[in-house]
Amino acid sequence: MQQLTLTEANVERLFGIKDENLRYLEERLGVTVSARGSAVSVSGDERGEQIAARLLASFDKLLSSGGLVGKDEYRTGVRVLEEDLDIDLVEFFLDAGIPDTLKRLVVPRNLNQRLFIQAVCKHDYVFAVGPAGTGKTYLAVAMAAAELLDKRVRRIVLARPAVEAGERLGFLPGDMVEKINPYLRPVYDALYDILGYEKVTKMIERQAIEIAPLAFMRGRTLNDAFIILDEAQNTTHEQMKMFLTRMGFHSKTVITGDITQTDLPAGQVSGLVEALEILQGTPDLSFISFTHRDVVRHRLVQEVVDRYERWEARRGRNGRR
């Protein structure tokens, strides 16, 4: 059993409405949390006890340091401590290395998201590789928006390869903008969510934000820009080499992709896979690898997935496929 005494002034905010945060810990970690005033005891399996006690103690300090604690912080905190019980959660949520503007736009939901944000703050070239749903594109767009709002760059340039799922632009209706827009929709969605539709529209009109197919990058040098290449696993060798040489002075470049989901013709090697091999170990370049554990889902979606996985595991054990 783990026992701790919390700051009395923080108890109500720590526990939540009708102790909903404590109930979440019990359900998520399989522990029992008992509270009498500011005195709390946690019982259950050793790992669950340690995570729950560490989280409550850390969030007590976080509130006393002026931080915020709510449902999202509890879910993120549990996920982070499951990965590394020794992590300093107060530092995680109050990271002084992350610009205040970025903190207002997005909060990292796991360790790799935090490492990604820190890498972009420190390095001019960052590769972020991992499965869909890990927040690579969203975080990259949020960081680009923060840099633009803080006037550290003059524009955001977002590019994507135009060849996906076997389709070719020539067979699609409309002019080039109309052809490419469906491929760039995830980037638009992230921008609208972070900055709002009206602000994004105005920024695009004055060319503070440029969203274009990768082919449009050829022959350019991009100064004072935050450049993002999304879905980079669908680049060829030539396209990746071309893109990596577009960065000019006072710029940052972020390359995101999932090397397990390429839409290139059979037998063609991904430019992203090659770049990871060629550039590994290069000074001042950073490489962040996300895994399926980093996938961030809505709480109910995660619950649905978890229940299906448990059900399928039971059927598998019982031989009923």
Protein backbone atom coordinates (compact mmCIF):
# COMPACT_ATOMS: atom_id res chain seq x y z
CA MET A 1 0.00 0.00 0.00
CA GLN A 2 1.15 3.53 -0.85
CA GLN A 3 0.24 6.40 1.47
CA LEU A 4 0.71 10.12 0.92
CA THR A 5 -0.48 13.46 2.25
CA LEU A 6 -1.51 16.10 -0.27
CA THR A 7 -1.70 19.88 0.03
CA GLU A 8 -5.14 20.56 1.48
CA ALA A 9 -5.80 23.52 -0.83
CA ASN A 10 -5.22 21.30 -3.88
CA VAL A 11 -7.37 18.32 -2.89
CA GLU A 12 -10.62 19.37 -4.56
CA ARG A 13 -8.95 20.10 -7.90
CA LEU A 14 -6.84 16.94 -7.70
CA PHE A 15 -9.77 14.64 -7.04
CA GLY A 16 -12.13 16.25 -9.56
CA ILE A 17 -15.91 16.55 -9.51
CA LYS A 18 -17.34 13.73 -7.38
CA ASP A 19 -13.81 12.27 -7.21
CA GLU A 20 -13.90 11.47 -10.93
CA ASN A 21 -10.11 11.62 -11.25
CA LEU A 22 -9.65 9.07 -8.48
CA ARG A 23 -12.22 6.80 -10.10
CA TYR A 24 -10.29 7.08 -13.37
CA LEU A 25 -7.08 5.96 -11.63
CA GLU A 26 -8.90 3.01 -10.08
CA GLU A 27 -10.35 1.86 -13.39
CA ARG A 28 -7.24 2.54 -15.48
CA LEU A 29 -4.68 1.06 -13.09
CA GLY A 30 -6.73 -1.56 -11.25
CA VAL A 31 -6.10 0.01 -7.84
CA THR A 32 -8.23 1.24 -4.95
CA VAL A 33 -7.78 4.87 -3.91
CA SER A 34 -9.07 5.87 -0.47
CA ALA A 35 -9.07 9.47 0.69
CA ARG A 36 -9.79 11.08 4.06
CA GLY A 37 -9.25 14.80 3.81
CA SER A 38 -5.79 15.29 2.37
CA ALA A 39 -4.58 11.81 3.39
CA VAL A 40 -4.64 9.28 0.53
CA SER A 41 -3.87 5.58 0.39
CA VAL A 42 -3.50 3.50 -2.77
CA SER A 43 -3.72 -0.29 -2.78
CA GLY A 44 -3.44 -2.80 -5.60
CA ASP A 45 -0.64 -4.39 -7.55
CA GLU A 46 2.77 -2.83 -6.96
CA ARG A 47 3.13 -1.16 -10.36
CA GLY A 48 -0.36 0.35 -10.25
CA GLU A 49 0.21 1.65 -6.73
CA GLN A 50 3.49 3.28 -7.73
CA ILE A 51 2.02 5.00 -10.79
CA ALA A 52 -1.07 6.30 -8.95
CA ALA A 53 0.91 7.57 -5.95
CA ARG A 54 3.60 9.16 -8.12
CA LEU A 55 0.97 10.86 -10.28
CA LEU A 56 -1.00 12.29 -7.33
CA ALA A 57 2.15 13.59 -5.64
CA SER A 58 3.39 15.12 -8.90
CA PHE A 59 0.06 16.77 -9.69
CA ASP A 60 -0.04 18.20 -6.16
CA LYS A 61 3.30 19.91 -6.90
CA LEU A 62 2.09 20.92 -10.38
CA LEU A 63 -0.94 22.73 -8.97
CA SER A 64 1.22 24.46 -6.36
CA SER A 65 3.51 25.60 -9.20
CA GLY A 66 0.65 27.21 -11.09
CA GLY A 67 0.00 24.38 -13.52
CA LEU A 68 -3.37 23.01 -14.60
CA VAL A 69 -4.71 19.54 -13.81
CA GLY A 70 -7.77 17.99 -15.42
CA LYS A 71 -8.98 14.87 -17.20
CA ASP A 72 -6.53 15.23 -20.09
CA GLU A 73 -3.58 15.70 -17.75
CA TYR A 74 -4.55 12.57 -15.79
CA ARG A 75 -4.72 10.47 -18.95
CA THR A 76 -1.44 11.87 -20.26
CA GLY A 77 0.23 11.52 -16.87
CA VAL A 78 -0.71 7.85 -16.55
CA ARG A 79 0.50 7.12 -20.08
CA VAL A 80 3.82 8.87 -19.44
CA LEU A 81 4.45 7.13 -16.11
CA GLU A 82 3.63 3.76 -17.66
CA GLU A 83 6.51 4.42 -20.05
CA ASP A 84 8.91 5.84 -17.47
CA LEU A 85 8.09 5.86 -13.77
CA ASP A 86 11.05 8.14 -13.03
CA ILE A 87 9.93 10.99 -15.30
CA ASP A 88 9.43 14.36 -13.61
CA LEU A 89 5.78 15.12 -14.43
CA VAL A 90 6.03 18.69 -13.16
CA GLU A 91 8.84 19.38 -15.61
CA PHE A 92 6.95 17.48 -18.31
CA PHE A 93 3.92 19.78 -18.07
CA LEU A 94 5.81 23.00 -17.29
CA ASP A 95 8.77 22.47 -19.65
CA ALA A 96 10.60 25.80 -19.73
CA GLY A 97 12.22 24.83 -23.03
CA ILE A 98 8.89 24.98 -24.86
CA PRO A 99 7.82 28.48 -25.99
CA ASP A 100 4.77 29.86 -24.20
CA THR A 101 2.92 30.35 -27.50
CA LEU A 102 3.33 26.66 -28.32
CA LYS A 103 2.15 25.66 -24.83
CA ARG A 104 -1.08 27.55 -25.50
CA LEU A 105 -1.59 25.68 -28.77
CA VAL A 106 -0.73 22.09 -27.85
CA VAL A 107 0.29 19.86 -24.94
CA PRO A 108 2.42 16.72 -25.48
CA ARG A 109 0.47 13.55 -24.70
CA ASN A 110 3.39 11.15 -24.23
CA LEU A 111 7.17 11.05 -23.93
CA ASN A 112 7.89 10.83 -27.65
CA GLN A 113 5.65 13.80 -28.39
CA ARG A 114 7.59 15.78 -25.80
CA LEU A 115 10.92 14.64 -27.30
CA PHE A 116 9.65 15.65 -30.74
CA ILE A 117 8.74 19.15 -29.54
CA GLN A 118 12.09 19.55 -27.76
CA ALA A 119 13.95 18.34 -30.86
CA VAL A 120 12.25 20.92 -33.09
CA CYS A 121 13.02 23.67 -30.57
CA LYS A 122 16.73 22.71 -30.60
CA HIS A 123 17.43 21.50 -34.15
CA ASP A 124 16.91 22.86 -37.67
CA TYR A 125 16.29 19.43 -39.25
CA VAL A 126 14.01 16.90 -37.53
CA PHE A 127 12.73 13.57 -38.84
CA ALA A 128 9.63 12.15 -37.10
CA VAL A 129 8.73 8.61 -38.16
CA GLY A 130 5.88 6.43 -36.91
CA PRO A 131 2.34 5.17 -37.46
CA ALA A 132 -0.73 7.28 -38.14
CA GLY A 133 -2.41 8.81 -35.10
CA THR A 134 0.77 9.59 -33.17
CA GLY A 135 0.37 13.34 -33.70
CA LYS A 136 3.39 13.88 -35.98
CA THR A 137 1.68 16.18 -38.47
CA TYR A 138 -0.47 17.94 -35.88
CA LEU A 139 2.49 18.73 -33.63
CA ALA A 140 4.62 19.87 -36.56
CA VAL A 141 1.87 22.24 -37.70
CA ALA A 142 1.38 23.53 -34.14
CA MET A 143 5.09 24.25 -33.79
CA ALA A 144 5.15 25.98 -37.17
CA ALA A 145 2.16 28.11 -36.13
CA ALA A 146 3.89 29.08 -32.87
CA GLU A 147 7.06 30.10 -34.73
CA LEU A 148 4.99 32.22 -37.13
CA LEU A 149 2.92 33.87 -34.39
CA ASP A 150 6.10 34.69 -32.46
CA LYS A 151 7.61 36.14 -35.66
CA ARG A 152 10.60 33.80 -35.57
CA VAL A 153 9.78 32.87 -39.17
CA ARG A 154 7.98 34.83 -41.88
CA ARG A 155 6.06 31.93 -43.41
CA ILE A 156 5.04 28.30 -43.15
CA VAL A 157 5.59 26.02 -46.12
CA LEU A 158 3.83 22.66 -46.05
CA ALA A 159 4.47 20.08 -48.76
CA ARG A 160 3.25 16.58 -49.54
CA PRO A 161 4.00 14.10 -52.31
CA ALA A 162 1.00 14.03 -54.65
CA VAL A 163 1.08 10.33 -55.49
CA GLU A 164 -0.94 8.20 -53.07
CA ALA A 165 -3.13 5.10 -53.23
CA GLY A 166 -2.33 4.50 -56.89
CA GLU A 167 -3.88 7.79 -58.10
CA ARG A 168 -2.12 10.24 -60.41
CA LEU A 169 -2.88 13.95 -60.66
CA GLY A 170 -3.38 13.80 -64.40
CA PHE A 171 -6.46 11.63 -64.01
CA LEU A 172 -8.14 13.92 -61.48
CA PRO A 173 -10.53 16.75 -62.50
CA GLY A 174 -9.77 20.46 -62.09
CA ASP A 175 -6.70 22.69 -62.11
CA MET A 176 -3.55 21.93 -60.10
CA VAL A 177 -4.88 23.47 -56.86
CA GLU A 178 -8.12 21.48 -57.11
CA LYS A 179 -6.19 18.30 -57.91
CA ILE A 180 -3.82 18.57 -54.97
CA ASN A 181 -6.20 19.82 -52.26
CA PRO A 182 -7.63 16.36 -51.34
CA TYR A 183 -4.09 15.12 -50.62
CA LEU A 184 -3.40 18.12 -48.38
CA ARG A 185 -6.66 17.93 -46.41
CA PRO A 186 -5.02 16.57 -43.20
CA VAL A 187 -2.67 19.57 -43.20
CA TYR A 188 -5.57 22.00 -43.68
CA ASP A 189 -7.52 20.28 -40.89
CA ALA A 190 -4.61 20.66 -38.47
CA LEU A 191 -4.19 24.34 -39.36
CA TYR A 192 -7.91 25.09 -38.95
CA ASP A 193 -7.99 23.29 -35.61
CA ILE A 194 -4.95 25.15 -34.26
CA LEU A 195 -5.39 28.66 -35.69
CA GLY A 196 -9.02 28.83 -36.79
CA TYR A 197 -10.50 28.95 -40.29
CA GLU A 198 -10.53 32.75 -40.71
CA LYS A 199 -6.95 33.29 -39.56
CA VAL A 200 -5.66 30.47 -41.77
CA THR A 201 -7.55 31.84 -44.78
CA LYS A 202 -6.06 35.30 -44.29
CA MET A 203 -2.56 33.90 -43.81
CA ILE A 204 -2.85 31.87 -47.01
CA GLU A 205 -4.08 34.95 -48.89
CA ARG A 206 -1.05 36.97 -47.84
CA GLN A 207 1.21 33.94 -48.45
CA ALA A 208 2.29 33.61 -44.82
CA ILE A 209 1.13 30.00 -45.20
CA GLU A 210 1.87 28.07 -48.38
CA ILE A 211 0.50 24.58 -48.94
CA ALA A 212 1.75 22.90 -52.08
CA PRO A 213 2.68 19.60 -53.72
CA LEU A 214 6.30 18.57 -53.31
CA ALA A 215 7.00 19.15 -57.01
CA PHE A 216 6.52 22.90 -56.44
CA MET A 217 9.61 22.99 -54.20
CA ARG A 218 12.09 22.41 -57.03
CA GLY A 219 14.55 25.24 -57.64
CA ARG A 220 13.60 27.22 -54.53
CA THR A 221 15.55 28.37 -51.48
CA LEU A 222 13.32 28.95 -48.47
CA ASN A 223 14.64 31.55 -46.01
CA ASP A 224 12.95 32.54 -42.74
CA ALA A 225 10.52 29.66 -43.10
CA PHE A 226 9.19 26.69 -41.16
CA ILE A 227 9.06 23.89 -43.72
CA ILE A 228 7.12 20.66 -43.24
CA LEU A 229 7.22 17.62 -45.52
CA ASP A 230 4.31 15.35 -44.62
CA GLU A 231 3.83 11.72 -45.79
CA ALA A 232 7.53 11.67 -46.68
CA GLN A 233 7.48 7.88 -47.07
CA ASN A 234 5.97 8.50 -50.52
CA THR A 235 8.96 10.44 -51.82
CA THR A 236 11.46 9.01 -54.27
CA HIS A 237 15.23 9.27 -53.81
CA GLU A 238 15.36 12.30 -56.12
CA GLN A 239 12.42 14.07 -54.44
CA MET A 240 13.82 13.64 -50.93
CA LYS A 241 17.27 14.87 -51.94
CA MET A 242 15.68 17.85 -53.69
CA PHE A 243 13.54 18.71 -50.67
CA LEU A 244 16.36 18.47 -48.14
CA THR A 245 18.36 21.07 -50.07
CA ARG A 246 15.56 23.68 -50.13
CA MET A 247 16.18 25.07 -46.63
CA GLY A 248 17.75 28.52 -46.51
CA PHE A 249 18.89 30.75 -43.67
CA HIS A 250 16.93 31.12 -40.42
CA SER A 251 14.64 28.20 -41.30
CA LYS A 252 13.52 24.92 -39.77
CA THR A 253 12.60 21.72 -41.58
CA VAL A 254 10.45 18.87 -40.23
CA ILE A 255 9.98 15.63 -42.16
CA THR A 256 7.20 13.26 -41.07
CA GLY A 257 6.18 9.87 -42.37
CA ASP A 258 5.29 6.22 -41.77
CA ILE A 259 7.76 3.88 -43.46
CA THR A 260 5.32 0.96 -43.12
CA GLN A 261 2.69 2.63 -45.34
CA THR A 262 4.29 3.59 -48.64
CA ASP A 263 2.19 4.10 -51.79
CA LEU A 264 5.11 4.01 -54.19
CA PRO A 265 5.15 1.52 -57.10
CA ALA A 266 6.27 -1.98 -56.15
CA GLY A 267 10.03 -2.27 -55.96
CA GLN A 268 10.68 1.46 -55.57
CA VAL A 269 12.58 2.37 -52.40
CA SER A 270 11.17 5.18 -50.28
CA GLY A 271 13.24 8.35 -50.19
CA LEU A 272 12.47 8.59 -46.47
CA VAL A 273 13.89 5.13 -45.78
CA GLU A 274 17.06 6.06 -47.68
CA ALA A 275 17.38 9.41 -45.90
CA LEU A 276 17.13 7.76 -42.48
CA GLU A 277 20.02 5.47 -43.43
CA ILE A 278 22.15 8.10 -45.16
CA LEU A 279 21.78 10.88 -42.59
CA GLN A 280 21.82 8.89 -39.35
CA GLY A 281 24.50 10.31 -37.08
CA THR A 282 24.71 13.67 -38.87
CA PRO A 283 25.38 16.45 -36.33
CA ASP A 284 22.47 18.82 -35.60
CA LEU A 285 19.90 16.50 -37.20
CA SER A 286 17.37 14.83 -34.91
CA PHE A 287 15.45 11.60 -35.44
CA ILE A 288 12.31 10.78 -33.41
CA SER A 289 10.69 7.35 -33.70
CA PHE A 290 7.04 6.91 -32.67
CA THR A 291 5.45 3.51 -32.05
CA HIS A 292 1.89 2.21 -31.77
CA ARG A 293 2.09 2.93 -28.02
CA ASP A 294 2.23 6.63 -28.93
CA VAL A 295 -1.07 6.63 -30.83
CA VAL A 296 -3.34 9.23 -29.25
CA ARG A 297 -7.04 8.49 -29.51
CA HIS A 298 -10.23 9.87 -28.06
CA ARG A 299 -10.87 8.21 -24.71
CA LEU A 300 -13.95 6.34 -25.99
CA VAL A 301 -12.20 5.23 -29.17
CA GLN A 302 -9.33 3.88 -27.08
CA GLU A 303 -11.83 2.05 -24.88
CA VAL A 304 -13.53 0.52 -27.94
CA VAL A 305 -10.16 -0.64 -29.31
CA ASP A 306 -9.11 -2.07 -25.94
CA ARG A 307 -12.37 -4.00 -25.56
CA TYR A 308 -12.14 -5.43 -29.08
CA GLU A 309 -8.54 -6.51 -28.44
CA ARG A 310 -9.52 -8.26 -25.21
CA TRP A 311 -12.50 -9.94 -26.90
CA GLU A 312 -10.38 -11.09 -29.84
CA ALA A 313 -7.73 -12.41 -27.44
CA ARG A 314 -10.36 -14.46 -25.57
CA ARG A 315 -11.73 -15.89 -28.80
CA GLY A 316 -8.20 -16.75 -29.89
CA ARG A 317 -7.48 -18.57 -26.63
CA ASN A 318 -10.74 -20.49 -26.90
CA GLY A 319 -10.06 -21.45 -30.49
CA ARG A 320 -13.18 -19.76 -31.85
CA ARG A 321 -11.95 -17.91 -34.91
